């Protein structure tokens, strides 16, 4: 079910959008070059880069007079270069790091 049926973005609409995570603003854009909500979300994610957690995406269409607030969850994944090539034996007295939780 597409819940954004009434929230249509037309090319030329004045759009203001923000992406916030843990109370911090990660990215903010204002423009008229968007044709859909997916375009707006894609532009914000390109500006933001990597983040971990649940972010709040707020899109305001100033031309049509509506606002859409959506939750966006992501998990940080280590880059390929950061993964160890060889897994070493456990050492006594050291703390283990869980790759997906750090």
PDB file of N, CA and C in Angstrom:
ATOM      1  N   UNK A   1       0.846  -1.181   0.000  1.00  0.00           N
ATOM      2  CA  UNK A   1       0.000   0.000   0.000  1.00  0.00           C
ATOM      3  C   UNK A   1       0.884   1.234   0.000  1.00  0.00           C
ATOM      4  N   UNK A   2       0.681   2.120  -0.916  1.00  0.00           N
ATOM      5  CA  UNK A   2       1.461   3.342  -1.013  1.00  0.00           C
ATOM      6  C   UNK A   2       0.766   4.438  -0.220  1.00  0.00           C
ATOM      7  N   UNK A   3       1.366   4.836   0.895  1.00  0.00           N
ATOM      8  CA  UNK A   3       0.728   5.830   1.750  1.00  0.00           C
ATOM      9  C   UNK A   3       0.945   7.254   1.247  1.00  0.00           C
ATOM     10  N   UNK A   4       1.790   7.444   0.235  1.00  0.00           N
ATOM     11  CA  UNK A   4       2.102   8.778  -0.262  1.00  0.00           C
ATOM     12  C   UNK A   4       1.285   9.138  -1.503  1.00  0.00           C
ATOM     13  N   UNK A   5       0.107   8.564  -1.639  1.00  0.00           N
ATOM     14  CA  UNK A   5      -0.722   8.817  -2.811  1.00  0.00           C
ATOM     15  C   UNK A   5      -1.105  10.290  -2.891  1.00  0.00           C
ATOM     16  N   UNK A   6      -1.449  10.903  -1.766  1.00  0.00           N
ATOM     17  CA  UNK A   6      -1.848  12.306  -1.767  1.00  0.00           C
ATOM     18  C   UNK A   6      -0.657  13.255  -1.763  1.00  0.00           C
ATOM     19  N   UNK A   7       0.515  12.768  -1.389  1.00  0.00           N
ATOM     20  CA  UNK A   7       1.707  13.614  -1.313  1.00  0.00           C
ATOM     21  C   UNK A   7       2.526  13.469  -2.590  1.00  0.00           C
ATOM     22  N   UNK A   8       2.038  14.095  -3.630  1.00  0.00           N
ATOM     23  CA  UNK A   8       2.679  14.022  -4.935  1.00  0.00           C
ATOM     24  C   UNK A   8       3.611  15.220  -5.093  1.00  0.00           C
ATOM     25  N   UNK A   9       4.814  14.945  -5.597  1.00  0.00           N
ATOM     26  CA  UNK A   9       5.782  16.003  -5.864  1.00  0.00           C
ATOM     27  C   UNK A   9       5.834  16.210  -7.372  1.00  0.00           C
ATOM     28  N   UNK A  10       5.562  17.427  -7.800  1.00  0.00           N
ATOM     29  CA  UNK A  10       5.656  17.786  -9.212  1.00  0.00           C
ATOM     30  C   UNK A  10       6.932  18.588  -9.433  1.00  0.00           C
ATOM     31  N   UNK A  11       7.506  18.426 -10.626  1.00  0.00           N
ATOM     32  CA  UNK A  11       8.699  19.191 -10.953  1.00  0.00           C
ATOM     33  C   UNK A  11       8.354  20.680 -10.883  1.00  0.00           C
ATOM     34  N   UNK A  12       9.153  21.414 -10.138  1.00  0.00           N
ATOM     35  CA  UNK A  12       8.903  22.841  -9.966  1.00  0.00           C
ATOM     36  C   UNK A  12       8.309  23.182  -8.613  1.00  0.00           C
ATOM     37  N   UNK A  13       7.834  22.165  -7.861  1.00  0.00           N
ATOM     38  CA  UNK A  13       7.332  22.423  -6.509  1.00  0.00           C
ATOM     39  C   UNK A  13       8.494  22.806  -5.602  1.00  0.00           C
ATOM     40  N   UNK A  14       8.241  23.739  -4.710  1.00  0.00           N
ATOM     41  CA  UNK A  14       9.255  24.168  -3.747  1.00  0.00           C
ATOM     42  C   UNK A  14       9.292  23.162  -2.595  1.00  0.00           C
ATOM     43  N   UNK A  15      10.416  22.441  -2.471  1.00  0.00           N
ATOM     44  CA  UNK A  15      10.562  21.372  -1.482  1.00  0.00           C
ATOM     45  C   UNK A  15      11.620  21.767  -0.459  1.00  0.00           C
ATOM     46  N   UNK A  16      11.289  21.590   0.825  1.00  0.00           N
ATOM     47  CA  UNK A  16      12.231  21.752   1.932  1.00  0.00           C
ATOM     48  C   UNK A  16      12.242  20.420   2.677  1.00  0.00           C
ATOM     49  N   UNK A  17      13.431  19.828   2.863  1.00  0.00           N
ATOM     50  CA  UNK A  17      13.506  18.516   3.500  1.00  0.00           C
ATOM     51  C   UNK A  17      14.697  18.443   4.444  1.00  0.00           C
ATOM     52  N   UNK A  18      14.533  17.683   5.535  1.00  0.00           N
ATOM     53  CA  UNK A  18      15.618  17.469   6.494  1.00  0.00           C
ATOM     54  C   UNK A  18      15.667  15.993   6.870  1.00  0.00           C
ATOM     55  N   UNK A  19      16.851  15.559   7.286  1.00  0.00           N
ATOM     56  CA  UNK A  19      17.054  14.216   7.803  1.00  0.00           C
ATOM     57  C   UNK A  19      17.761  14.360   9.138  1.00  0.00           C
ATOM     58  N   UNK A  20      17.117  13.880  10.205  1.00  0.00           N
ATOM     59  CA  UNK A  20      17.662  14.006  11.558  1.00  0.00           C
ATOM     60  C   UNK A  20      17.800  12.633  12.181  1.00  0.00           C
ATOM     61  N   UNK A  21      18.908  12.431  12.919  1.00  0.00           N
ATOM     62  CA  UNK A  21      19.167  11.171  13.605  1.00  0.00           C
ATOM     63  C   UNK A  21      19.689  11.488  15.003  1.00  0.00           C
ATOM     64  N   UNK A  22      19.063  10.920  16.019  1.00  0.00           N
ATOM     65  CA  UNK A  22      19.457  11.143  17.418  1.00  0.00           C
ATOM     66  C   UNK A  22      19.478  12.621  17.791  1.00  0.00           C
ATOM     67  N   UNK A  23      18.552  13.382  17.259  1.00  0.00           N
ATOM     68  CA  UNK A  23      18.462  14.799  17.574  1.00  0.00           C
ATOM     69  C   UNK A  23      19.424  15.685  16.805  1.00  0.00           C
ATOM     70  N   UNK A  24      20.247  15.107  15.933  1.00  0.00           N
ATOM     71  CA  UNK A  24      21.202  15.886  15.139  1.00  0.00           C
ATOM     72  C   UNK A  24      20.736  15.950  13.689  1.00  0.00           C
ATOM     73  N   UNK A  25      20.803  17.133  13.107  1.00  0.00           N
ATOM     74  CA  UNK A  25      20.444  17.283  11.699  1.00  0.00           C
ATOM     75  C   UNK A  25      21.605  16.783  10.846  1.00  0.00           C
ATOM     76  N   UNK A  26      21.338  15.735  10.071  1.00  0.00           N
ATOM     77  CA  UNK A  26      22.364  15.154   9.217  1.00  0.00           C
ATOM     78  C   UNK A  26      22.452  15.859   7.874  1.00  0.00           C
ATOM     79  N   UNK A  27      21.312  16.250   7.339  1.00  0.00           N
ATOM     80  CA  UNK A  27      21.289  16.914   6.033  1.00  0.00           C
ATOM     81  C   UNK A  27      20.012  17.723   5.901  1.00  0.00           C
ATOM     82  N   UNK A  28      20.091  18.744   5.068  1.00  0.00           N
ATOM     83  CA  UNK A  28      18.954  19.609   4.809  1.00  0.00           C
ATOM     84  C   UNK A  28      19.050  20.098   3.363  1.00  0.00           C
ATOM     85  N   UNK A  29      17.936  20.072   2.647  1.00  0.00           N
ATOM     86  CA  UNK A  29      17.928  20.552   1.260  1.00  0.00           C
ATOM     87  C   UNK A  29      16.689  21.394   1.002  1.00  0.00           C
ATOM     88  N   UNK A  30      16.826  22.297   0.065  1.00  0.00           N
ATOM     89  CA  UNK A  30      15.723  23.107  -0.430  1.00  0.00           C
ATOM     90  C   UNK A  30      15.893  23.202  -1.939  1.00  0.00           C
ATOM     91  N   UNK A  31      14.838  22.937  -2.689  1.00  0.00           N
ATOM     92  CA  UNK A  31      14.963  23.000  -4.132  1.00  0.00           C
ATOM     93  C   UNK A  31      13.651  22.817  -4.858  1.00  0.00           C
ATOM     94  N   UNK A  32      13.726  22.907  -6.185  1.00  0.00           N
ATOM     95  CA  UNK A  32      12.553  22.759  -7.041  1.00  0.00           C
ATOM     96  C   UNK A  32      12.783  21.700  -8.120  1.00  0.00           C
ATOM     97  N   UNK A  33      13.881  20.963  -8.044  1.00  0.00           N
ATOM     98  CA  UNK A  33      14.247  20.031  -9.111  1.00  0.00           C
ATOM     99  C   UNK A  33      13.858  18.589  -8.819  1.00  0.00           C
ATOM    100  N   UNK A  34      12.858  18.359  -8.006  1.00  0.00           N
ATOM    101  CA  UNK A  34      12.482  17.002  -7.625  1.00  0.00           C
ATOM    102  C   UNK A  34      11.186  16.607  -8.325  1.00  0.00           C
ATOM    103  N   UNK A  35      11.096  15.313  -8.679  1.00  0.00           N
ATOM    104  CA  UNK A  35       9.896  14.823  -9.351  1.00  0.00           C
ATOM    105  C   UNK A  35       9.122  13.820  -8.502  1.00  0.00           C
ATOM    106  N   UNK A  36       9.710  13.383  -7.370  1.00  0.00           N
ATOM    107  CA  UNK A  36       9.025  12.423  -6.498  1.00  0.00           C
ATOM    108  C   UNK A  36       9.638  12.478  -5.104  1.00  0.00           C
ATOM    109  N   UNK A  37       8.955  11.850  -4.140  1.00  0.00           N
ATOM    110  CA  UNK A  37       9.501  11.750  -2.791  1.00  0.00           C
ATOM    111  C   UNK A  37      10.774  10.914  -2.781  1.00  0.00           C
ATOM    112  N   UNK A  38      10.851   9.924  -3.665  1.00  0.00           N
ATOM    113  CA  UNK A  38      12.068   9.111  -3.750  1.00  0.00           C
ATOM    114  C   UNK A  38      13.269   9.944  -4.180  1.00  0.00           C
ATOM    115  N   UNK A  39      13.063  10.905  -5.076  1.00  0.00           N
ATOM    116  CA  UNK A  39      14.146  11.805  -5.477  1.00  0.00           C
ATOM    117  C   UNK A  39      14.645  12.625  -4.295  1.00  0.00           C
ATOM    118  N   UNK A  40      13.724  13.088  -3.486  1.00  0.00           N
ATOM    119  CA  UNK A  40      14.082  13.887  -2.314  1.00  0.00           C
ATOM    120  C   UNK A  40      14.878  13.028  -1.333  1.00  0.00           C
ATOM    121  N   UNK A  41      14.378  11.814  -1.069  1.00  0.00           N
ATOM    122  CA  UNK A  41      15.060  10.915  -0.135  1.00  0.00           C
ATOM    123  C   UNK A  41      16.450  10.550  -0.647  1.00  0.00           C
ATOM    124  N   UNK A  42      16.566  10.266  -1.929  1.00  0.00           N
ATOM    125  CA  UNK A  42      17.855   9.913  -2.529  1.00  0.00           C
ATOM    126  C   UNK A  42      18.854  11.062  -2.394  1.00  0.00           C
ATOM    127  N   UNK A  43      18.398  12.285  -2.616  1.00  0.00           N
ATOM    128  CA  UNK A  43      19.289  13.452  -2.503  1.00  0.00           C
ATOM    129  C   UNK A  43      19.775  13.639  -1.069  1.00  0.00           C
ATOM    130  N   UNK A  44      18.883  13.458  -0.098  1.00  0.00           N
ATOM    131  CA  UNK A  44      19.283  13.577   1.304  1.00  0.00           C
ATOM    132  C   UNK A  44      20.274  12.492   1.701  1.00  0.00           C
ATOM    133  N   UNK A  45      20.042  11.271   1.265  1.00  0.00           N
ATOM    134  CA  UNK A  45      20.951  10.178   1.609  1.00  0.00           C
ATOM    135  C   UNK A  45      22.321  10.364   0.976  1.00  0.00           C
ATOM    136  N   UNK A  46      22.381  10.949  -0.222  1.00  0.00           N
ATOM    137  CA  UNK A  46      23.674  11.233  -0.843  1.00  0.00           C
ATOM    138  C   UNK A  46      24.444  12.284  -0.051  1.00  0.00           C
ATOM    139  N   UNK A  47      23.735  13.273   0.475  1.00  0.00           N
ATOM    140  CA  UNK A  47      24.388  14.299   1.301  1.00  0.00           C
ATOM    141  C   UNK A  47      24.832  13.755   2.647  1.00  0.00           C
ATOM    142  N   UNK A  48      24.054  12.838   3.197  1.00  0.00           N
ATOM    143  CA  UNK A  48      24.301  12.338   4.537  1.00  0.00           C
ATOM    144  C   UNK A  48      25.470  11.372   4.596  1.00  0.00           C
ATOM    145  N   UNK A  49      25.554  10.473   3.653  1.00  0.00           N
ATOM    146  CA  UNK A  49      26.570   9.432   3.739  1.00  0.00           C
ATOM    147  C   UNK A  49      26.107   8.346   4.682  1.00  0.00           C
ATOM    148  N   UNK A  50      27.043   7.783   5.451  1.00  0.00           N
ATOM    149  CA  UNK A  50      26.712   6.693   6.370  1.00  0.00           C
ATOM    150  C   UNK A  50      26.239   7.219   7.710  1.00  0.00           C
ATOM    151  N   UNK A  51      25.230   6.579   8.230  1.00  0.00           N
ATOM    152  CA  UNK A  51      24.799   6.830   9.602  1.00  0.00           C
ATOM    153  C   UNK A  51      24.154   5.553  10.113  1.00  0.00           C
ATOM    154  N   UNK A  52      24.112   5.415  11.420  1.00  0.00           N
ATOM    155  CA  UNK A  52      23.518   4.218  12.019  1.00  0.00           C
ATOM    156  C   UNK A  52      22.366   4.631  12.915  1.00  0.00           C
ATOM    157  N   UNK A  53      21.278   3.924  12.828  1.00  0.00           N
ATOM    158  CA  UNK A  53      20.144   4.193  13.695  1.00  0.00           C
ATOM    159  C   UNK A  53      18.893   4.524  12.921  1.00  0.00           C
ATOM    160  N   UNK A  54      17.967   5.132  13.633  1.00  0.00           N
ATOM    161  CA  UNK A  54      16.698   5.527  13.034  1.00  0.00           C
ATOM    162  C   UNK A  54      16.723   7.036  12.829  1.00  0.00           C
ATOM    163  N   UNK A  55      16.470   7.452  11.614  1.00  0.00           N
ATOM    164  CA  UNK A  55      16.453   8.869  11.280  1.00  0.00           C
ATOM    165  C   UNK A  55      15.023   9.282  10.946  1.00  0.00           C
ATOM    166  N   UNK A  56      14.752  10.556  11.106  1.00  0.00           N
ATOM    167  CA  UNK A  56      13.439  11.109  10.783  1.00  0.00           C
ATOM    168  C   UNK A  56      13.588  11.970   9.532  1.00  0.00           C
ATOM    169  N   UNK A  57      12.858  11.597   8.511  1.00  0.00           N
ATOM    170  CA  UNK A  57      12.859  12.314   7.241  1.00  0.00           C
ATOM    171  C   UNK A  57      11.616  13.186   7.195  1.00  0.00           C
ATOM    172  N   UNK A  58      11.806  14.489   7.091  1.00  0.00           N
ATOM    173  CA  UNK A  58      10.697  15.438   7.015  1.00  0.00           C
ATOM    174  C   UNK A  58      10.752  16.136   5.670  1.00  0.00           C
ATOM    175  N   UNK A  59       9.691  16.010   4.898  1.00  0.00           N
ATOM    176  CA  UNK A  59       9.602  16.656   3.585  1.00  0.00           C
ATOM    177  C   UNK A  59       8.421  17.606   3.611  1.00  0.00           C
ATOM    178  N   UNK A  60       8.670  18.850   3.246  1.00  0.00           N
ATOM    179  CA  UNK A  60       7.619  19.880   3.196  1.00  0.00           C
ATOM    180  C   UNK A  60       7.505  20.385   1.769  1.00  0.00           C
ATOM    181  N   UNK A  61       6.319  20.243   1.184  1.00  0.00           N
ATOM    182  CA  UNK A  61       6.045  20.782  -0.138  1.00  0.00           C
ATOM    183  C   UNK A  61       5.384  22.136   0.075  1.00  0.00           C
ATOM    184  N   UNK A  62       6.163  23.198  -0.063  1.00  0.00           N
ATOM    185  CA  UNK A  62       5.659  24.550   0.193  1.00  0.00           C
ATOM    186  C   UNK A  62       4.653  24.995  -0.869  1.00  0.00           C
ATOM    187  N   UNK A  63       4.753  24.457  -2.073  1.00  0.00           N
ATOM    188  CA  UNK A  63       3.845  24.825  -3.155  1.00  0.00           C
ATOM    189  C   UNK A  63       2.446  24.254  -2.922  1.00  0.00           C
ATOM    190  N   UNK A  64       2.367  22.978  -2.557  1.00  0.00           N
ATOM    191  CA  UNK A  64       1.069  22.326  -2.379  1.00  0.00           C
ATOM    192  C   UNK A  64       0.567  22.391  -0.944  1.00  0.00           C
ATOM    193  N   UNK A  65       1.449  22.693   0.001  1.00  0.00           N
ATOM    194  CA  UNK A  65       1.034  22.884   1.386  1.00  0.00           C
ATOM    195  C   UNK A  65       0.920  21.623   2.217  1.00  0.00           C
ATOM    196  N   UNK A  66       1.706  20.598   1.944  1.00  0.00           N
ATOM    197  CA  UNK A  66       1.668  19.402   2.780  1.00  0.00           C
ATOM    198  C   UNK A  66       3.048  19.094   3.338  1.00  0.00           C
ATOM    199  N   UNK A  67       3.047  18.250   4.375  1.00  0.00           N
ATOM    200  CA  UNK A  67       4.288  17.815   5.016  1.00  0.00           C
ATOM    201  C   UNK A  67       4.195  16.316   5.239  1.00  0.00           C
ATOM    202  N   UNK A  68       5.312  15.616   5.014  1.00  0.00           N
ATOM    203  CA  UNK A  68       5.374  14.176   5.216  1.00  0.00           C
ATOM    204  C   UNK A  68       6.535  13.875   6.153  1.00  0.00           C
ATOM    205  N   UNK A  69       6.256  13.139   7.243  1.00  0.00           N
ATOM    206  CA  UNK A  69       7.287  12.749   8.203  1.00  0.00           C
ATOM    207  C   UNK A  69       7.376  11.234   8.189  1.00  0.00           C
ATOM    208  N   UNK A  70       8.576  10.707   7.937  1.00  0.00           N
ATOM    209  CA  UNK A  70       8.783   9.274   7.798  1.00  0.00           C
ATOM    210  C   UNK A  70      10.011   8.855   8.591  1.00  0.00           C
ATOM    211  N   UNK A  71       9.964   7.663   9.173  1.00  0.00           N
ATOM    212  CA  UNK A  71      11.134   7.093   9.847  1.00  0.00           C
ATOM    213  C   UNK A  71      11.946   6.307   8.831  1.00  0.00           C
ATOM    214  N   UNK A  72      13.258   6.408   8.954  1.00  0.00           N
ATOM    215  CA  UNK A  72      14.171   5.729   8.043  1.00  0.00           C
ATOM    216  C   UNK A  72      15.235   5.048   8.885  1.00  0.00           C
ATOM    217  N   UNK A  73      15.287   3.722   8.851  1.00  0.00           N
ATOM    218  CA  UNK A  73      16.252   2.972   9.666  1.00  0.00           C
ATOM    219  C   UNK A  73      17.371   2.434   8.788  1.00  0.00           C
ATOM    220  N   UNK A  74      18.584   2.462   9.329  1.00  0.00           N
ATOM    221  CA  UNK A  74      19.731   1.911   8.622  1.00  0.00           C
ATOM    222  C   UNK A  74      20.709   1.341   9.637  1.00  0.00           C
ATOM    223  N   UNK A  75      21.528   0.425   9.178  1.00  0.00           N
ATOM    224  CA  UNK A  75      22.544  -0.166  10.023  1.00  0.00           C
ATOM    225  C   UNK A  75      23.899   0.080   9.376  1.00  0.00           C
ATOM    226  N   UNK A  76      24.844   0.513  10.164  1.00  0.00           N
ATOM    227  CA  UNK A  76      26.174   0.782   9.641  1.00  0.00           C
ATOM    228  C   UNK A  76      26.820  -0.542   9.274  1.00  0.00           C
ATOM    229  N   UNK A  77      27.385  -0.599   8.093  1.00  0.00           N
ATOM    230  CA  UNK A  77      28.095  -1.789   7.658  1.00  0.00           C
ATOM    231  C   UNK A  77      29.555  -1.421   7.442  1.00  0.00           C
ATOM    232  N   UNK A  78      30.470  -2.246   7.940  1.00  0.00           N
ATOM    233  CA  UNK A  78      31.876  -1.914   7.748  1.00  0.00           C
ATOM    234  C   UNK A  78      32.256  -1.972   6.279  1.00  0.00           C
ATOM    235  N   UNK A  79      33.172  -1.113   5.894  1.00  0.00           N
ATOM    236  CA  UNK A  79      33.650  -1.105   4.515  1.00  0.00           C
ATOM    237  C   UNK A  79      34.482  -2.355   4.274  1.00  0.00           C
ATOM    238  N   UNK A  80      34.642  -2.751   3.026  1.00  0.00           N
ATOM    239  CA  UNK A  80      35.370  -3.968   2.689  1.00  0.00           C
ATOM    240  C   UNK A  80      36.817  -3.899   3.167  1.00  0.00           C
ATOM    241  N   UNK A  81      37.433  -2.725   3.120  1.00  0.00           N
ATOM    242  CA  UNK A  81      38.824  -2.587   3.532  1.00  0.00           C
ATOM    243  C   UNK A  81      38.983  -2.711   5.043  1.00  0.00           C
ATOM    244  N   UNK A  82      37.911  -2.495   5.796  1.00  0.00           N
ATOM    245  CA  UNK A  82      37.999  -2.534   7.245  1.00  0.00           C
ATOM    246  C   UNK A  82      37.902  -3.951   7.800  1.00  0.00           C
ATOM    247  N   UNK A  83      37.453  -4.918   7.021  1.00  0.00           N
ATOM    248  CA  UNK A  83      37.299  -6.268   7.512  1.00  0.00           C
ATOM    249  C   UNK A  83      38.656  -6.957   7.565  1.00  0.00           C
ATOM    250  N   UNK A  84      38.942  -7.673   8.658  1.00  0.00           N
ATOM    251  CA  UNK A  84      40.238  -8.354   8.755  1.00  0.00           C
ATOM    252  C   UNK A  84      40.336  -9.485   7.752  1.00  0.00           C
ATOM    253  N   UNK A  85      41.536  -9.643   7.189  1.00  0.00           N
ATOM    254  CA  UNK A  85      41.752 -10.694   6.210  1.00  0.00           C
ATOM    255  C   UNK A  85      41.855 -12.060   6.891  1.00  0.00           C
ATOM    256  N   UNK A  86      42.462 -12.078   8.067  1.00  0.00           N
ATOM    257  CA  UNK A  86      42.635 -13.327   8.808  1.00  0.00           C
ATOM    258  C   UNK A  86      42.051 -13.144  10.197  1.00  0.00           C
ATOM    259  N   UNK A  87      41.249 -14.076  10.620  1.00  0.00           N
ATOM    260  CA  UNK A  87      40.677 -14.002  11.965  1.00  0.00           C
ATOM    261  C   UNK A  87      41.663 -14.658  12.920  1.00  0.00           C
ATOM    262  N   UNK A  88      42.135 -13.894  13.887  1.00  0.00           N
ATOM    263  CA  UNK A  88      43.122 -14.406  14.823  1.00  0.00           C
ATOM    264  C   UNK A  88      42.456 -15.165  15.961  1.00  0.00           C
ATOM    265  N   UNK A  89      43.240 -15.908  16.686  1.00  0.00           N
ATOM    266  CA  UNK A  89      42.747 -16.646  17.843  1.00  0.00           C
ATOM    267  C   UNK A  89      42.396 -15.674  18.953  1.00  0.00           C
ATOM    268  N   UNK A  90      41.396 -16.004  19.772  1.00  0.00           N
ATOM    269  CA  UNK A  90      41.028 -15.131  20.882  1.00  0.00           C
ATOM    270  C   UNK A  90      42.196 -14.963  21.859  1.00  0.00           C
ATOM    271  N   UNK A  91      42.368 -13.758  22.370  1.00  0.00           N
ATOM    272  CA  UNK A  91      43.417 -13.481  23.342  1.00  0.00           C
ATOM    273  C   UNK A  91      42.788 -13.302  24.709  1.00  0.00           C
ATOM    274  N   UNK A  92      43.456 -13.759  25.704  1.00  0.00           N
ATOM    275  CA  UNK A  92      42.954 -13.657  27.068  1.00  0.00           C
ATOM    276  C   UNK A  92      43.206 -12.239  27.575  1.00  0.00           C
ATOM    277  N   UNK A  93      42.191 -11.670  28.215  1.00  0.00           N
ATOM    278  CA  UNK A  93      42.339 -10.354  28.815  1.00  0.00           C
ATOM    279  C   UNK A  93      42.007  -9.198  27.900  1.00  0.00           C
ATOM    280  N   UNK A  94      41.496  -9.457  26.712  1.00  0.00           N
ATOM    281  CA  UNK A  94      41.132  -8.390  25.791  1.00  0.00           C
ATOM    282  C   UNK A  94      39.635  -8.409  25.539  1.00  0.00           C
ATOM    283  N   UNK A  95      39.100  -7.264  25.219  1.00  0.00           N
ATOM    284  CA  UNK A  95      37.680  -7.148  24.950  1.00  0.00           C
ATOM    285  C   UNK A  95      37.414  -7.460  23.487  1.00  0.00           C
ATOM    286  N   UNK A  96      36.372  -8.202  23.239  1.00  0.00           N
ATOM    287  CA  UNK A  96      35.977  -8.519  21.872  1.00  0.00           C
ATOM    288  C   UNK A  96      35.139  -7.388  21.306  1.00  0.00           C
ATOM    289  N   UNK A  97      35.296  -7.143  20.022  1.00  0.00           N
ATOM    290  CA  UNK A  97      34.472  -6.160  19.314  1.00  0.00           C
ATOM    291  C   UNK A  97      33.509  -6.910  18.401  1.00  0.00           C
ATOM    292  N   UNK A  98      32.265  -6.532  18.456  1.00  0.00           N
ATOM    293  CA  UNK A  98      31.267  -7.114  17.569  1.00  0.00           C
ATOM    294  C   UNK A  98      31.155  -6.178  16.372  1.00  0.00           C
ATOM    295  N   UNK A  99      31.550  -6.644  15.164  1.00  0.00           N
ATOM    296  CA  UNK A  99      31.611  -5.735  13.996  1.00  0.00           C
ATOM    297  C   UNK A  99      30.300  -5.017  13.694  1.00  0.00           C
ATOM    298  N   UNK A 100      29.162  -5.688  13.788  1.00  0.00           N
ATOM    299  CA  UNK A 100      27.888  -5.061  13.427  1.00  0.00           C
ATOM    300  C   UNK A 100      27.366  -4.136  14.509  1.00  0.00           C
ATOM    301  N   UNK A 101      27.932  -4.155  15.698  1.00  0.00           N
ATOM    302  CA  UNK A 101      27.438  -3.320  16.796  1.00  0.00           C
ATOM    303  C   UNK A 101      28.360  -2.152  17.095  1.00  0.00           C
ATOM    304  N   UNK A 102      29.512  -2.105  16.484  1.00  0.00           N
ATOM    305  CA  UNK A 102      30.444  -1.010  16.805  1.00  0.00           C
ATOM    306  C   UNK A 102      30.328   0.118  15.838  1.00  0.00           C
TER     307      UNK A 102
END
